[in-house]
Amino acid sequence: MPKLKTHKGAKSRFFITAKGKIMRTKGGKTHFRRNRSKTARRLYDNKLEVNKVNVEQIKRLLPGV
């Protein structure tokens, strides 16, 4: 059986923590950025946990991780 390949798009968008949670960043961080306040821009730096509904799909895309 051939080796499973990692989906490169998913690899760049998601990362797995030491406890096994799959995390993602918020979208739209750089679009129309200058119109936002510093506080609003800072909110985009936070990482979010992936919804439980999508966890199995993402794990299939990241077999070696």
Protein backbone atom coordinates (compact mmCIF):
# COMPACT_ATOMS: atom_id res chain seq x y z
CA MET A 1 0.00 0.00 0.00
CA PRO A 2 1.41 3.45 -0.89
CA LYS A 3 2.30 6.01 1.73
CA LEU A 4 -0.38 8.55 2.62
CA LYS A 5 0.40 12.07 1.48
CA THR A 6 -0.13 15.15 3.63
CA HIS A 7 -2.49 17.73 2.12
CA LYS A 8 -0.26 20.81 1.78
CA GLY A 9 -3.14 23.30 1.96
CA ALA A 10 -4.31 21.82 5.24
CA LYS A 11 -0.75 21.69 6.54
CA SER A 12 -0.38 25.45 6.09
CA ARG A 13 -3.75 26.28 7.67
CA PHE A 14 -3.92 23.98 10.70
CA PHE A 15 -1.55 22.86 13.44
CA ILE A 16 -1.84 20.35 16.25
CA THR A 17 -1.02 21.26 19.84
CA ALA A 18 0.86 19.09 22.32
CA LYS A 19 -2.48 17.97 23.79
CA GLY A 20 -3.77 16.96 20.36
CA LYS A 21 -6.14 19.84 19.63
CA ILE A 22 -6.34 21.03 16.04
CA MET A 23 -6.03 24.81 15.89
CA ARG A 24 -6.61 27.34 13.13
CA THR A 25 -6.11 31.06 12.57
CA LYS A 26 -8.83 33.55 11.73
CA GLY A 27 -9.40 34.46 8.10
CA GLY A 28 -9.37 37.98 6.66
CA LYS A 29 -6.49 39.19 8.80
CA THR A 30 -4.78 41.31 6.13
CA HIS A 31 -7.79 42.54 4.12
CA PHE A 32 -8.60 46.26 4.71
CA ARG A 33 -6.34 46.16 7.72
CA ARG A 34 -5.58 49.88 7.97
CA ASN A 35 -9.26 50.71 8.50
CA ARG A 36 -9.35 48.75 11.75
CA SER A 37 -8.28 49.85 15.20
CA LYS A 38 -5.26 48.27 16.88
CA THR A 39 -7.57 46.36 19.19
CA ALA A 40 -9.52 44.92 16.27
CA ARG A 41 -6.30 43.95 14.48
CA ARG A 42 -4.98 42.26 17.60
CA LEU A 43 -8.09 40.05 17.79
CA TYR A 44 -6.97 38.34 14.57
CA ASP A 45 -3.78 37.07 16.29
CA ASN A 46 -5.75 34.65 18.47
CA LYS A 47 -5.87 30.99 17.48
CA LEU A 48 -9.15 29.08 17.51
CA GLU A 49 -9.85 25.40 18.02
CA VAL A 50 -11.36 23.68 15.00
CA ASN A 51 -15.03 22.76 15.27
CA LYS A 52 -15.61 19.17 16.41
CA VAL A 53 -17.62 18.48 13.25
CA ASN A 54 -14.53 19.04 11.07
CA VAL A 55 -11.87 17.32 13.19
CA GLU A 56 -12.11 13.92 11.46
CA GLN A 57 -11.88 15.50 7.99
CA ILE A 58 -8.76 17.45 8.92
CA LYS A 59 -7.13 14.41 10.55
CA ARG A 60 -7.56 12.55 7.24
CA LEU A 61 -5.79 15.40 5.43
CA LEU A 62 -2.88 15.33 7.91
CA PRO A 63 -1.97 11.64 8.28
CA GLY A 64 1.68 12.07 9.25
CA VAL A 65 1.20 14.91 11.71
